[in-house]
């Protein structure tokens, strides 16, 4: 069963709404208190601005344990940018994570940046960094909500670069 999540993006004074198809949640396991928590889940997010559309495939998971501390990790595995007339330009696909606890490690928005050479040819691409996928993680307690954001900055020749952000929430 696929779920839908609606996001609202504001970029360069323009507002766009995107419907995002989410893959079904992966198998769950229990944490130290017996609560059911997802091991990993795959998501596909999309947003548009300035005539361009970006889509990313993201895996989120909780790693670690009570003895080592928990990490909430997100991996942008693939991206696709459709930007008519701007193929071959240098775009960005960035990853942001924040927990709902509001302060301290993981409680403030943290961004991981891609290389400034993401391709805008409408095809799926894997390597967002020299080492492969773009990975970020934050420490935090289990059973809390994590917001994962993917920001696309579309490269435009001789003009300011439009951008948009698509976000989703998961409980870890």
N, C-alpha and C. Protein backbone atom coordinates (compact mmCIF):
# COMPACT_ATOMS: atom_id res chain seq x y z
N UNK A 1 0.83 -1.17 0.00
CA UNK A 1 0.00 0.00 0.00
C UNK A 1 0.88 1.24 0.00
N UNK A 2 0.65 2.15 -0.90
CA UNK A 2 1.43 3.37 -0.98
C UNK A 2 0.67 4.47 -0.28
N UNK A 3 1.38 5.33 0.41
CA UNK A 3 0.79 6.47 1.09
C UNK A 3 1.13 7.72 0.32
N UNK A 4 0.36 8.76 0.51
CA UNK A 4 0.65 10.04 -0.12
C UNK A 4 0.88 11.09 0.95
N UNK A 5 1.81 11.95 0.69
CA UNK A 5 2.14 13.05 1.59
C UNK A 5 2.19 14.30 0.75
N UNK A 6 1.53 15.33 1.19
CA UNK A 6 1.54 16.59 0.45
C UNK A 6 2.51 17.54 1.12
N UNK A 7 3.38 18.14 0.34
CA UNK A 7 4.32 19.11 0.88
C UNK A 7 4.04 20.45 0.24
N UNK A 8 4.42 21.47 0.93
CA UNK A 8 4.28 22.83 0.44
C UNK A 8 5.66 23.44 0.39
N UNK A 9 6.06 23.95 -0.76
CA UNK A 9 7.39 24.52 -0.93
C UNK A 9 7.26 25.97 -1.32
N UNK A 10 8.09 26.81 -0.76
CA UNK A 10 8.13 28.22 -1.13
C UNK A 10 9.53 28.51 -1.63
N UNK A 11 9.64 28.95 -2.86
CA UNK A 11 10.94 29.22 -3.45
C UNK A 11 10.85 30.46 -4.32
N UNK A 12 11.73 31.39 -4.11
CA UNK A 12 11.83 32.59 -4.92
C UNK A 12 10.47 33.27 -5.06
N UNK A 13 9.69 33.30 -3.97
CA UNK A 13 8.41 33.98 -3.99
C UNK A 13 7.29 33.18 -4.64
N UNK A 14 7.59 31.99 -5.17
CA UNK A 14 6.58 31.16 -5.80
C UNK A 14 6.26 30.00 -4.87
N UNK A 15 5.01 29.62 -4.82
CA UNK A 15 4.63 28.52 -3.96
C UNK A 15 4.19 27.36 -4.84
N UNK A 16 4.72 26.16 -4.55
CA UNK A 16 4.32 24.98 -5.29
C UNK A 16 3.93 23.90 -4.30
N UNK A 17 2.97 23.10 -4.66
CA UNK A 17 2.56 21.98 -3.84
C UNK A 17 2.86 20.70 -4.59
N UNK A 18 3.42 19.73 -3.91
CA UNK A 18 3.77 18.46 -4.54
C UNK A 18 3.14 17.32 -3.77
N UNK A 19 2.65 16.34 -4.48
CA UNK A 19 2.19 15.11 -3.84
C UNK A 19 3.30 14.11 -3.98
N UNK A 20 3.68 13.52 -2.87
CA UNK A 20 4.83 12.62 -2.84
C UNK A 20 4.32 11.22 -2.55
N UNK A 21 4.74 10.28 -3.35
CA UNK A 21 4.39 8.88 -3.11
C UNK A 21 5.43 8.27 -2.19
N UNK A 22 4.98 7.70 -1.11
CA UNK A 22 5.89 7.07 -0.16
C UNK A 22 5.75 5.56 -0.26
N UNK A 23 6.89 4.90 -0.23
CA UNK A 23 6.87 3.44 -0.23
C UNK A 23 6.31 2.95 1.10
N UNK A 24 5.79 1.76 1.16
CA UNK A 24 5.30 1.25 2.43
C UNK A 24 6.44 1.14 3.43
N UNK A 25 6.10 1.29 4.69
CA UNK A 25 7.12 1.22 5.75
C UNK A 25 7.75 -0.17 5.77
N UNK A 26 9.02 -0.18 6.08
CA UNK A 26 9.75 -1.44 6.16
C UNK A 26 9.38 -2.16 7.46
N UNK A 27 9.89 -3.36 7.60
CA UNK A 27 9.64 -4.12 8.81
C UNK A 27 10.09 -3.35 10.04
N UNK A 28 9.41 -3.57 11.15
CA UNK A 28 9.73 -2.85 12.38
C UNK A 28 10.42 -3.78 13.37
N UNK A 29 11.08 -3.18 14.30
CA UNK A 29 11.70 -3.91 15.39
C UNK A 29 11.35 -3.17 16.67
N UNK A 30 11.74 -3.69 17.81
CA UNK A 30 11.42 -3.04 19.07
C UNK A 30 12.67 -2.39 19.64
N UNK A 31 12.48 -1.24 20.30
CA UNK A 31 13.60 -0.61 20.99
C UNK A 31 13.65 -1.14 22.42
N UNK A 32 14.47 -0.52 23.25
CA UNK A 32 14.67 -1.02 24.61
C UNK A 32 13.42 -0.96 25.47
N UNK A 33 12.45 -0.12 25.10
CA UNK A 33 11.23 0.00 25.89
C UNK A 33 10.11 -0.87 25.34
N UNK A 34 10.37 -1.63 24.25
CA UNK A 34 9.37 -2.49 23.67
C UNK A 34 8.52 -1.84 22.61
N UNK A 35 8.74 -0.54 22.34
CA UNK A 35 7.96 0.16 21.31
C UNK A 35 8.41 -0.30 19.93
N UNK A 36 7.47 -0.37 19.00
CA UNK A 36 7.79 -0.76 17.63
C UNK A 36 8.36 0.44 16.88
N UNK A 37 9.51 0.26 16.26
CA UNK A 37 10.14 1.34 15.50
C UNK A 37 10.61 0.79 14.16
N UNK A 38 10.58 1.60 13.11
CA UNK A 38 11.01 1.11 11.81
C UNK A 38 12.53 0.89 11.76
N UNK A 39 12.94 -0.16 11.08
CA UNK A 39 14.36 -0.41 10.88
C UNK A 39 14.86 0.49 9.75
N UNK A 40 14.12 0.51 8.64
CA UNK A 40 14.46 1.35 7.51
C UNK A 40 13.22 1.54 6.65
N UNK A 41 13.13 2.66 5.98
CA UNK A 41 12.01 2.93 5.08
C UNK A 41 12.52 3.75 3.90
N UNK A 42 11.99 3.47 2.72
CA UNK A 42 12.37 4.19 1.51
C UNK A 42 11.28 5.20 1.16
N UNK A 43 11.71 6.37 0.70
CA UNK A 43 10.79 7.45 0.34
C UNK A 43 11.24 8.05 -0.98
N UNK A 44 10.29 8.56 -1.74
CA UNK A 44 10.61 9.30 -2.95
C UNK A 44 9.95 10.67 -2.80
N UNK A 45 10.76 11.73 -2.93
CA UNK A 45 10.25 13.08 -2.76
C UNK A 45 10.46 13.87 -4.04
N UNK A 46 9.60 14.85 -4.26
CA UNK A 46 9.72 15.67 -5.46
C UNK A 46 9.25 17.08 -5.17
N UNK A 47 9.83 18.04 -5.86
CA UNK A 47 9.37 19.43 -5.79
C UNK A 47 9.78 20.15 -7.06
N UNK A 48 9.18 21.31 -7.30
CA UNK A 48 9.41 22.07 -8.53
C UNK A 48 9.57 23.54 -8.24
N UNK A 49 10.37 24.21 -9.07
CA UNK A 49 10.54 25.67 -9.01
C UNK A 49 11.17 26.13 -10.31
N UNK A 50 10.76 27.28 -10.79
CA UNK A 50 11.39 27.89 -11.96
C UNK A 50 11.38 27.02 -13.20
N UNK A 51 10.36 26.18 -13.38
CA UNK A 51 10.29 25.32 -14.55
C UNK A 51 11.08 24.03 -14.43
N UNK A 52 11.71 23.78 -13.29
CA UNK A 52 12.50 22.56 -13.08
C UNK A 52 11.82 21.70 -12.02
N UNK A 53 12.04 20.39 -12.12
CA UNK A 53 11.51 19.44 -11.14
C UNK A 53 12.63 18.54 -10.68
N UNK A 54 12.74 18.39 -9.36
CA UNK A 54 13.73 17.47 -8.78
C UNK A 54 13.03 16.35 -8.03
N UNK A 55 13.57 15.15 -8.16
CA UNK A 55 13.05 13.98 -7.45
C UNK A 55 14.23 13.25 -6.83
N UNK A 56 14.05 12.78 -5.60
CA UNK A 56 15.12 12.05 -4.92
C UNK A 56 14.55 10.81 -4.25
N UNK A 57 15.35 9.76 -4.23
CA UNK A 57 15.03 8.53 -3.50
C UNK A 57 15.87 8.51 -2.23
N UNK A 58 15.17 8.45 -1.09
CA UNK A 58 15.82 8.59 0.21
C UNK A 58 15.47 7.38 1.08
N UNK A 59 16.47 6.83 1.76
CA UNK A 59 16.25 5.80 2.76
C UNK A 59 16.52 6.39 4.13
N UNK A 60 15.60 6.19 5.07
CA UNK A 60 15.81 6.64 6.45
C UNK A 60 15.83 5.41 7.34
N UNK A 61 16.68 5.46 8.37
CA UNK A 61 16.80 4.32 9.28
C UNK A 61 17.34 4.77 10.62
N UNK A 62 17.06 3.96 11.63
CA UNK A 62 17.64 4.17 12.96
C UNK A 62 18.75 3.16 13.11
N UNK A 63 19.91 3.62 13.53
CA UNK A 63 21.06 2.73 13.72
C UNK A 63 21.61 2.94 15.12
N UNK A 64 22.42 2.02 15.58
CA UNK A 64 23.00 2.11 16.92
C UNK A 64 22.15 1.37 17.93
N UNK A 65 22.36 1.67 19.19
CA UNK A 65 21.62 1.00 20.25
C UNK A 65 21.78 1.74 21.56
N UNK A 66 21.17 1.20 22.61
CA UNK A 66 21.19 1.90 23.89
C UNK A 66 22.60 2.03 24.45
N UNK A 67 23.48 1.08 24.17
CA UNK A 67 24.84 1.16 24.72
C UNK A 67 25.72 2.14 23.94
N UNK A 68 25.46 2.30 22.63
CA UNK A 68 26.28 3.19 21.81
C UNK A 68 25.59 4.50 21.48
N UNK A 69 24.29 4.58 21.74
CA UNK A 69 23.50 5.75 21.37
C UNK A 69 22.86 5.54 20.00
N UNK A 70 21.68 6.11 19.83
CA UNK A 70 20.97 5.97 18.57
C UNK A 70 21.31 7.10 17.62
N UNK A 71 21.36 6.76 16.33
CA UNK A 71 21.54 7.73 15.26
C UNK A 71 20.36 7.57 14.31
N UNK A 72 19.86 8.68 13.81
CA UNK A 72 18.81 8.68 12.79
C UNK A 72 19.50 9.06 11.50
N UNK A 73 19.58 8.10 10.57
CA UNK A 73 20.37 8.29 9.36
C UNK A 73 19.47 8.37 8.14
N UNK A 74 19.80 9.27 7.23
CA UNK A 74 19.10 9.39 5.94
C UNK A 74 20.15 9.32 4.84
N UNK A 75 19.79 8.64 3.75
CA UNK A 75 20.68 8.49 2.61
C UNK A 75 19.94 8.86 1.34
N UNK A 76 20.44 9.86 0.61
CA UNK A 76 19.90 10.17 -0.71
C UNK A 76 20.60 9.23 -1.67
N UNK A 77 19.89 8.21 -2.11
CA UNK A 77 20.49 7.17 -2.95
C UNK A 77 20.54 7.55 -4.42
N UNK A 78 19.50 8.23 -4.90
CA UNK A 78 19.45 8.64 -6.30
C UNK A 78 18.70 9.97 -6.42
N UNK A 79 18.97 10.66 -7.51
CA UNK A 79 18.24 11.89 -7.81
C UNK A 79 18.00 11.98 -9.31
N UNK A 80 17.00 12.78 -9.67
CA UNK A 80 16.70 13.06 -11.07
C UNK A 80 16.23 14.51 -11.13
N UNK A 81 16.81 15.29 -12.05
CA UNK A 81 16.41 16.68 -12.24
C UNK A 81 16.00 16.89 -13.68
N UNK A 82 14.79 17.38 -13.85
CA UNK A 82 14.28 17.73 -15.17
C UNK A 82 14.22 19.25 -15.25
N UNK A 83 15.03 19.81 -16.14
CA UNK A 83 15.11 21.27 -16.27
C UNK A 83 15.28 21.59 -17.76
N UNK A 84 14.16 21.69 -18.48
CA UNK A 84 14.23 21.91 -19.93
C UNK A 84 15.10 23.11 -20.30
N UNK A 85 15.97 22.90 -21.25
CA UNK A 85 16.86 23.97 -21.73
C UNK A 85 18.09 24.20 -20.88
N UNK A 86 18.22 23.48 -19.79
CA UNK A 86 19.36 23.67 -18.88
C UNK A 86 20.13 22.38 -18.66
N UNK A 87 20.06 21.41 -19.56
CA UNK A 87 20.76 20.14 -19.36
C UNK A 87 22.27 20.35 -19.28
N UNK A 88 22.90 19.54 -18.48
CA UNK A 88 24.34 19.60 -18.35
C UNK A 88 24.86 20.68 -17.41
N UNK A 89 23.97 21.47 -16.84
CA UNK A 89 24.39 22.53 -15.92
C UNK A 89 24.68 21.94 -14.54
N UNK A 90 25.21 22.73 -13.65
CA UNK A 90 25.60 22.27 -12.31
C UNK A 90 24.56 22.64 -11.27
N UNK A 91 23.83 21.64 -10.79
CA UNK A 91 22.79 21.84 -9.79
C UNK A 91 23.27 21.27 -8.45
N UNK A 92 22.45 21.42 -7.41
CA UNK A 92 22.75 20.89 -6.09
C UNK A 92 21.55 20.11 -5.57
N UNK A 93 21.83 19.04 -4.80
CA UNK A 93 20.81 18.26 -4.12
C UNK A 93 21.32 18.09 -2.69
N UNK A 94 20.71 18.79 -1.74
CA UNK A 94 21.20 18.79 -0.35
C UNK A 94 20.22 18.06 0.56
N UNK A 95 20.73 17.52 1.67
CA UNK A 95 19.97 16.73 2.62
C UNK A 95 19.95 17.43 3.97
N UNK A 96 18.76 17.57 4.56
CA UNK A 96 18.62 18.18 5.88
C UNK A 96 17.88 17.26 6.83
N UNK A 97 18.31 17.25 8.11
CA UNK A 97 17.66 16.46 9.15
C UNK A 97 17.46 17.30 10.39
N UNK A 98 16.31 17.10 11.06
CA UNK A 98 16.08 17.75 12.35
C UNK A 98 15.10 16.89 13.15
N UNK A 99 15.36 16.78 14.45
CA UNK A 99 14.46 16.06 15.35
C UNK A 99 13.47 17.00 15.99
N UNK A 100 12.39 16.46 16.54
CA UNK A 100 11.35 17.30 17.13
C UNK A 100 11.63 17.73 18.56
N UNK A 101 12.82 17.43 19.10
CA UNK A 101 13.12 17.77 20.49
C UNK A 101 13.62 19.19 20.65
N UNK A 102 13.89 19.92 19.55
CA UNK A 102 14.06 21.37 19.59
C UNK A 102 15.39 21.96 19.99
N UNK A 103 16.27 21.26 20.68
CA UNK A 103 17.57 21.83 21.03
C UNK A 103 18.56 20.70 21.23
N UNK A 104 19.82 21.06 21.33
CA UNK A 104 20.86 20.05 21.53
C UNK A 104 21.17 19.31 20.24
N UNK A 105 22.02 18.29 20.33
CA UNK A 105 22.40 17.53 19.14
C UNK A 105 21.18 16.93 18.45
N UNK A 106 21.05 17.18 17.17
CA UNK A 106 19.94 16.65 16.39
C UNK A 106 18.67 17.46 16.47
N UNK A 107 18.57 18.37 17.43
CA UNK A 107 17.35 19.16 17.61
C UNK A 107 17.31 20.43 16.79
N UNK A 108 18.38 20.74 16.08
CA UNK A 108 18.39 21.88 15.18
C UNK A 108 18.72 21.38 13.78
N UNK A 109 18.18 22.05 12.77
CA UNK A 109 18.34 21.61 11.39
C UNK A 109 19.81 21.57 10.98
N UNK A 110 20.24 20.43 10.45
CA UNK A 110 21.60 20.24 9.97
C UNK A 110 21.53 19.84 8.50
N UNK A 111 22.40 20.45 7.67
CA UNK A 111 22.41 20.18 6.22
C UNK A 111 23.69 19.49 5.81
N UNK A 112 23.58 18.56 4.85
CA UNK A 112 24.72 17.94 4.17
C UNK A 112 24.60 18.33 2.71
N UNK A 113 25.69 18.78 2.13
CA UNK A 113 25.67 19.35 0.78
C UNK A 113 26.22 18.37 -0.26
N UNK A 114 25.59 18.36 -1.43
CA UNK A 114 26.10 17.58 -2.55
C UNK A 114 27.22 18.37 -3.22
N UNK A 115 27.88 17.72 -4.16
CA UNK A 115 28.83 18.44 -5.00
C UNK A 115 28.05 19.44 -5.85
N UNK A 116 28.69 20.48 -6.31
CA UNK A 116 28.05 21.50 -7.13
C UNK A 116 28.12 21.10 -8.60
N UNK A 117 27.69 19.87 -8.89
CA UNK A 117 27.75 19.37 -10.26
C UNK A 117 26.69 18.29 -10.53
N UNK A 118 25.54 18.44 -9.89
CA UNK A 118 24.46 17.49 -10.14
C UNK A 118 23.89 17.75 -11.53
N UNK A 119 23.58 16.69 -12.24
CA UNK A 119 23.20 16.75 -13.66
C UNK A 119 21.70 16.96 -13.80
N UNK A 120 21.29 17.80 -14.76
CA UNK A 120 19.88 18.15 -14.99
C UNK A 120 19.40 17.58 -16.33
N UNK A 121 19.51 16.27 -16.51
CA UNK A 121 19.17 15.68 -17.80
C UNK A 121 17.92 14.80 -17.77
N UNK A 122 17.18 14.79 -16.65
CA UNK A 122 15.97 14.00 -16.56
C UNK A 122 16.20 12.51 -16.34
N UNK A 123 17.45 12.10 -16.08
CA UNK A 123 17.80 10.70 -15.85
C UNK A 123 18.14 10.50 -14.37
N UNK A 124 18.03 9.25 -13.89
CA UNK A 124 18.40 8.93 -12.51
C UNK A 124 19.92 8.84 -12.40
N UNK A 125 20.46 9.43 -11.31
CA UNK A 125 21.90 9.41 -11.04
C UNK A 125 22.13 8.97 -9.59
N UNK A 126 23.27 8.30 -9.36
CA UNK A 126 23.58 7.73 -8.06
C UNK A 126 24.54 8.57 -7.21
N UNK A 127 25.57 9.10 -7.79
CA UNK A 127 26.67 9.66 -7.01
C UNK A 127 26.48 11.14 -6.71
N UNK A 128 26.08 11.43 -5.46
CA UNK A 128 25.92 12.81 -5.02
C UNK A 128 27.18 13.35 -4.36
N UNK A 129 28.10 12.47 -4.00
CA UNK A 129 29.39 12.86 -3.44
C UNK A 129 30.45 12.04 -4.17
N UNK A 130 31.70 12.34 -3.94
CA UNK A 130 32.77 11.56 -4.56
C UNK A 130 32.75 10.11 -4.09
N UNK A 131 32.22 9.88 -2.88
CA UNK A 131 32.19 8.53 -2.32
C UNK A 131 30.89 7.78 -2.64
N UNK A 132 29.92 8.42 -3.30
CA UNK A 132 28.66 7.75 -3.61
C UNK A 132 27.47 8.54 -3.14
N UNK A 133 26.53 7.90 -2.40
CA UNK A 133 25.32 8.58 -1.99
C UNK A 133 25.59 9.65 -0.93
N UNK A 134 24.65 10.57 -0.78
CA UNK A 134 24.75 11.61 0.24
C UNK A 134 24.12 11.08 1.52
N UNK A 135 24.90 11.02 2.61
CA UNK A 135 24.44 10.45 3.87
C UNK A 135 24.58 11.48 4.99
N UNK A 136 23.55 11.57 5.83
CA UNK A 136 23.60 12.42 7.01
C UNK A 136 23.00 11.68 8.18
N UNK A 137 23.43 11.99 9.40
CA UNK A 137 22.82 11.36 10.57
C UNK A 137 22.88 12.31 11.75
N UNK A 138 21.87 12.18 12.62
CA UNK A 138 21.81 12.98 13.84
C UNK A 138 21.55 12.05 15.01
N UNK A 139 22.09 12.39 16.20
CA UNK A 139 21.80 11.59 17.38
C UNK A 139 20.42 11.95 17.91
N UNK A 140 19.80 11.02 18.61
CA UNK A 140 18.51 11.36 19.21
C UNK A 140 17.82 10.17 19.82
N UNK A 141 16.82 10.44 20.64
CA UNK A 141 16.09 9.38 21.32
C UNK A 141 15.18 8.62 20.36
N UNK A 142 14.76 7.43 20.76
CA UNK A 142 13.82 6.66 19.95
C UNK A 142 12.41 7.17 20.20
N UNK A 143 11.52 6.82 19.27
CA UNK A 143 10.12 7.19 19.42
C UNK A 143 9.83 8.65 19.13
N UNK A 144 10.74 9.36 18.53
CA UNK A 144 10.56 10.79 18.24
C UNK A 144 10.46 11.00 16.74
N UNK A 145 9.92 12.15 16.36
CA UNK A 145 9.72 12.47 14.95
C UNK A 145 10.95 13.15 14.37
N UNK A 146 11.39 12.66 13.21
CA UNK A 146 12.52 13.22 12.48
C UNK A 146 11.97 13.79 11.17
N UNK A 147 12.33 15.03 10.85
CA UNK A 147 11.97 15.62 9.56
C UNK A 147 13.18 15.53 8.65
N UNK A 148 12.99 14.90 7.50
CA UNK A 148 14.02 14.77 6.48
C UNK A 148 13.65 15.69 5.33
N UNK A 149 14.60 16.53 4.90
CA UNK A 149 14.36 17.47 3.81
C UNK A 149 15.38 17.26 2.70
N UNK A 150 14.94 17.42 1.47
CA UNK A 150 15.83 17.41 0.32
C UNK A 150 15.63 18.72 -0.41
N UNK A 151 16.71 19.47 -0.53
CA UNK A 151 16.66 20.78 -1.20
C UNK A 151 17.34 20.66 -2.56
N UNK A 152 16.63 21.09 -3.58
CA UNK A 152 17.17 21.13 -4.94
C UNK A 152 17.46 22.59 -5.29
N UNK A 153 18.67 22.86 -5.77
CA UNK A 153 19.02 24.17 -6.33
C UNK A 153 19.30 23.92 -7.80
N UNK A 154 18.42 24.41 -8.65
CA UNK A 154 18.51 24.18 -10.09
C UNK A 154 19.40 25.24 -10.71
N UNK A 155 20.38 24.80 -11.47
CA UNK A 155 21.33 25.74 -12.07
C UNK A 155 20.73 26.33 -13.34
N UNK A 156 20.77 27.65 -13.42
CA UNK A 156 20.21 28.35 -14.57
C UNK A 156 21.28 29.28 -15.12
N UNK A 157 21.51 29.21 -16.41
CA UNK A 157 22.52 30.06 -17.05
C UNK A 157 22.04 31.51 -17.05
N UNK A 158 22.91 32.41 -16.67
CA UNK A 158 22.64 33.85 -16.74
C UNK A 158 21.40 34.29 -15.99
N UNK A 159 21.06 33.62 -14.89
CA UNK A 159 19.91 34.02 -14.07
C UNK A 159 20.11 33.45 -12.66
N UNK A 160 19.31 33.94 -11.72
CA UNK A 160 19.41 33.39 -10.37
C UNK A 160 18.87 31.96 -10.38
N UNK A 161 19.43 31.13 -9.53
CA UNK A 161 19.09 29.71 -9.48
C UNK A 161 17.84 29.48 -8.63
N UNK A 162 16.75 28.95 -9.22
CA UNK A 162 15.56 28.64 -8.42
C UNK A 162 15.83 27.43 -7.54
N UNK A 163 15.13 27.35 -6.41
CA UNK A 163 15.28 26.20 -5.52
C UNK A 163 13.94 25.83 -4.90
N UNK A 164 13.86 24.62 -4.42
CA UNK A 164 12.69 24.14 -3.69
C UNK A 164 13.13 23.07 -2.71
N UNK A 165 12.30 22.82 -1.72
CA UNK A 165 12.60 21.82 -0.71
C UNK A 165 11.38 20.92 -0.51
N UNK A 166 11.60 19.63 -0.50
CA UNK A 166 10.55 18.64 -0.19
C UNK A 166 10.94 17.96 1.11
N UNK A 167 9.97 17.81 2.01
CA UNK A 167 10.23 17.22 3.34
C UNK A 167 9.21 16.15 3.67
N UNK A 168 9.62 15.24 4.54
CA UNK A 168 8.70 14.24 5.09
C UNK A 168 9.13 13.92 6.51
N UNK A 169 8.20 13.35 7.28
CA UNK A 169 8.48 13.04 8.68
C UNK A 169 8.37 11.54 8.91
N UNK A 170 9.23 11.03 9.77
CA UNK A 170 9.17 9.64 10.19
C UNK A 170 9.37 9.59 11.70
N UNK A 171 8.87 8.53 12.32
CA UNK A 171 9.08 8.31 13.76
C UNK A 171 10.09 7.21 13.90
N UNK A 172 11.11 7.47 14.70
CA UNK A 172 12.18 6.47 14.89
C UNK A 172 12.17 6.00 16.32
